[in-house]
Amino acid sequence: MTSGYQGIAKLHKQTFTPFKKPRGGQLLEICKQANHYLAKFRIVVEHKIGLIKLFKIVAHKYRNRRQRYDLRMKLFAGIINSELNL
């Protein structure tokens, strides 16, 4: 686990962090496979975030009412999902 994510599992129960190689040791094969699948999933998520950022309202500072931010984010996610047939 990297130092930036220490304690995140306490806040979010469904958090997965990559396994770290022990000092002077080797990672088990199952840990390497788990890191590989986690990286593949993360790439998919990062690409979705990139697609949502095509809407400039998300990529820049939000200057409208905070009440509607959640609604607009759901709208953008829905548009992306409908285009990708998810």
C-alpha atoms as a PDB file:
ATOM      1  CA  MET A   1       0.000   0.000   0.000  1.00  0.00           C
ATOM      2  CA  THR A   2       1.411   3.381  -0.894  1.00  0.00           C
ATOM      3  CA  SER A   3       1.704   6.058   1.754  1.00  0.00           C
ATOM      4  CA  GLY A   4      -0.892   8.279   0.058  1.00  0.00           C
ATOM      5  CA  TYR A   5      -3.625   5.723   0.694  1.00  0.00           C
ATOM      6  CA  GLN A   6      -2.896   4.816   4.314  1.00  0.00           C
ATOM      7  CA  GLY A   7      -6.120   4.646   6.266  1.00  0.00           C
ATOM      8  CA  ILE A   8      -8.427   4.896   3.245  1.00  0.00           C
ATOM      9  CA  ALA A   9      -9.787   1.390   3.893  1.00  0.00           C
ATOM     10  CA  LYS A  10     -11.104   2.642   7.231  1.00  0.00           C
ATOM     11  CA  LEU A  11     -13.111   5.345   5.470  1.00  0.00           C
ATOM     12  CA  HIS A  12     -14.304   3.324   2.475  1.00  0.00           C
ATOM     13  CA  LYS A  13     -14.894  -0.393   2.897  1.00  0.00           C
ATOM     14  CA  GLN A  14     -14.809  -1.191  -0.837  1.00  0.00           C
ATOM     15  CA  THR A  15     -11.385   0.340  -1.426  1.00  0.00           C
ATOM     16  CA  PHE A  16      -8.712  -1.699  -3.139  1.00  0.00           C
ATOM     17  CA  THR A  17      -5.082  -0.643  -3.088  1.00  0.00           C
ATOM     18  CA  PRO A  18      -2.218  -2.368  -4.900  1.00  0.00           C
ATOM     19  CA  PHE A  19       0.108  -4.697  -3.054  1.00  0.00           C
ATOM     20  CA  LYS A  20       3.568  -3.353  -2.365  1.00  0.00           C
ATOM     21  CA  LYS A  21       6.723  -5.400  -2.671  1.00  0.00           C
ATOM     22  CA  PRO A  22       8.239  -6.017   0.764  1.00  0.00           C
ATOM     23  CA  ARG A  23      11.676  -4.551   1.359  1.00  0.00           C
ATOM     24  CA  GLY A  24      14.279  -7.011   0.150  1.00  0.00           C
ATOM     25  CA  GLY A  25      11.617  -9.515  -0.909  1.00  0.00           C
ATOM     26  CA  GLN A  26       9.427 -10.505  -3.818  1.00  0.00           C
ATOM     27  CA  LEU A  27       5.703 -10.232  -4.405  1.00  0.00           C
ATOM     28  CA  LEU A  28       3.735 -13.433  -4.560  1.00  0.00           C
ATOM     29  CA  GLU A  29       2.361 -14.329  -7.991  1.00  0.00           C
ATOM     30  CA  ILE A  30      -1.218 -13.906  -6.767  1.00  0.00           C
ATOM     31  CA  CYS A  31      -0.383 -10.394  -5.554  1.00  0.00           C
ATOM     32  CA  LYS A  32       1.105  -9.551  -8.953  1.00  0.00           C
ATOM     33  CA  GLN A  33      -2.044 -10.786 -10.663  1.00  0.00           C
ATOM     34  CA  ALA A  34      -4.229  -8.765  -8.286  1.00  0.00           C
ATOM     35  CA  ASN A  35      -2.177  -5.628  -9.030  1.00  0.00           C
ATOM     36  CA  HIS A  36      -2.512  -6.320 -12.765  1.00  0.00           C
ATOM     37  CA  TYR A  37      -6.321  -6.616 -12.606  1.00  0.00           C
ATOM     38  CA  LEU A  38      -6.550  -3.540 -10.412  1.00  0.00           C
ATOM     39  CA  ALA A  39      -4.477  -1.578 -12.944  1.00  0.00           C
ATOM     40  CA  LYS A  40      -6.715  -2.755 -15.815  1.00  0.00           C
ATOM     41  CA  PHE A  41      -9.824  -1.653 -13.933  1.00  0.00           C
ATOM     42  CA  ARG A  42      -8.238   1.662 -13.036  1.00  0.00           C
ATOM     43  CA  ILE A  43      -7.479   2.376 -16.712  1.00  0.00           C
ATOM     44  CA  VAL A  44     -11.163   1.914 -17.574  1.00  0.00           C
ATOM     45  CA  VAL A  45     -12.208   4.263 -14.773  1.00  0.00           C
ATOM     46  CA  GLU A  46      -9.612   6.887 -15.750  1.00  0.00           C
ATOM     47  CA  HIS A  47     -10.835   6.814 -19.360  1.00  0.00           C
ATOM     48  CA  LYS A  48     -14.429   7.370 -18.209  1.00  0.00           C
ATOM     49  CA  ILE A  49     -13.329  10.339 -16.103  1.00  0.00           C
ATOM     50  CA  GLY A  50     -11.513  11.715 -19.152  1.00  0.00           C
ATOM     51  CA  LEU A  51     -14.663  11.412 -21.244  1.00  0.00           C
ATOM     52  CA  ILE A  52     -16.700  13.231 -18.605  1.00  0.00           C
ATOM     53  CA  LYS A  53     -14.074  16.005 -18.553  1.00  0.00           C
ATOM     54  CA  LEU A  54     -14.865  16.680 -22.204  1.00  0.00           C
ATOM     55  CA  PHE A  55     -17.695  18.703 -20.705  1.00  0.00           C
ATOM     56  CA  LYS A  56     -15.781  21.850 -19.788  1.00  0.00           C
ATOM     57  CA  ILE A  57     -18.024  22.526 -16.795  1.00  0.00           C
ATOM     58  CA  VAL A  58     -16.421  19.518 -15.115  1.00  0.00           C
ATOM     59  CA  ALA A  59     -12.838  20.256 -16.133  1.00  0.00           C
ATOM     60  CA  HIS A  60     -12.826  23.836 -14.835  1.00  0.00           C
ATOM     61  CA  LYS A  61     -13.857  25.574 -11.622  1.00  0.00           C
ATOM     62  CA  TYR A  62     -17.589  25.163 -11.017  1.00  0.00           C
ATOM     63  CA  ARG A  63     -19.232  28.586 -10.710  1.00  0.00           C
ATOM     64  CA  ASN A  64     -22.934  27.715 -10.538  1.00  0.00           C
ATOM     65  CA  ARG A  65     -25.192  26.707  -7.660  1.00  0.00           C
ATOM     66  CA  ARG A  66     -23.798  23.836  -5.648  1.00  0.00           C
ATOM     67  CA  GLN A  67     -27.255  22.278  -5.330  1.00  0.00           C
ATOM     68  CA  ARG A  68     -27.289  21.377  -9.011  1.00  0.00           C
ATOM     69  CA  TYR A  69     -23.715  20.041  -9.294  1.00  0.00           C
ATOM     70  CA  ASP A  70     -24.750  16.483  -8.429  1.00  0.00           C
ATOM     71  CA  LEU A  71     -27.604  16.606 -10.921  1.00  0.00           C
ATOM     72  CA  ARG A  72     -25.307  17.847 -13.692  1.00  0.00           C
ATOM     73  CA  MET A  73     -22.652  15.220 -12.932  1.00  0.00           C
ATOM     74  CA  LYS A  74     -25.300  12.485 -13.170  1.00  0.00           C
ATOM     75  CA  LEU A  75     -26.470  13.986 -16.451  1.00  0.00           C
ATOM     76  CA  PHE A  76     -22.941  13.950 -17.910  1.00  0.00           C
ATOM     77  CA  ALA A  77     -22.368  10.381 -16.706  1.00  0.00           C
ATOM     78  CA  GLY A  78     -25.669   9.343 -18.257  1.00  0.00           C
ATOM     79  CA  ILE A  79     -24.720  10.887 -21.586  1.00  0.00           C
ATOM     80  CA  ILE A  80     -21.357   9.091 -21.592  1.00  0.00           C
ATOM     81  CA  ASN A  81     -22.964   5.793 -20.602  1.00  0.00           C
ATOM     82  CA  SER A  82     -25.629   6.078 -23.294  1.00  0.00           C
ATOM     83  CA  GLU A  83     -22.984   6.779 -25.940  1.00  0.00           C
ATOM     84  CA  LEU A  84     -20.982   3.745 -24.811  1.00  0.00           C
ATOM     85  CA  ASN A  85     -24.129   1.564 -24.480  1.00  0.00           C
ATOM     86  CA  LEU A  86     -23.454   0.677 -20.829  1.00  0.00           C
END
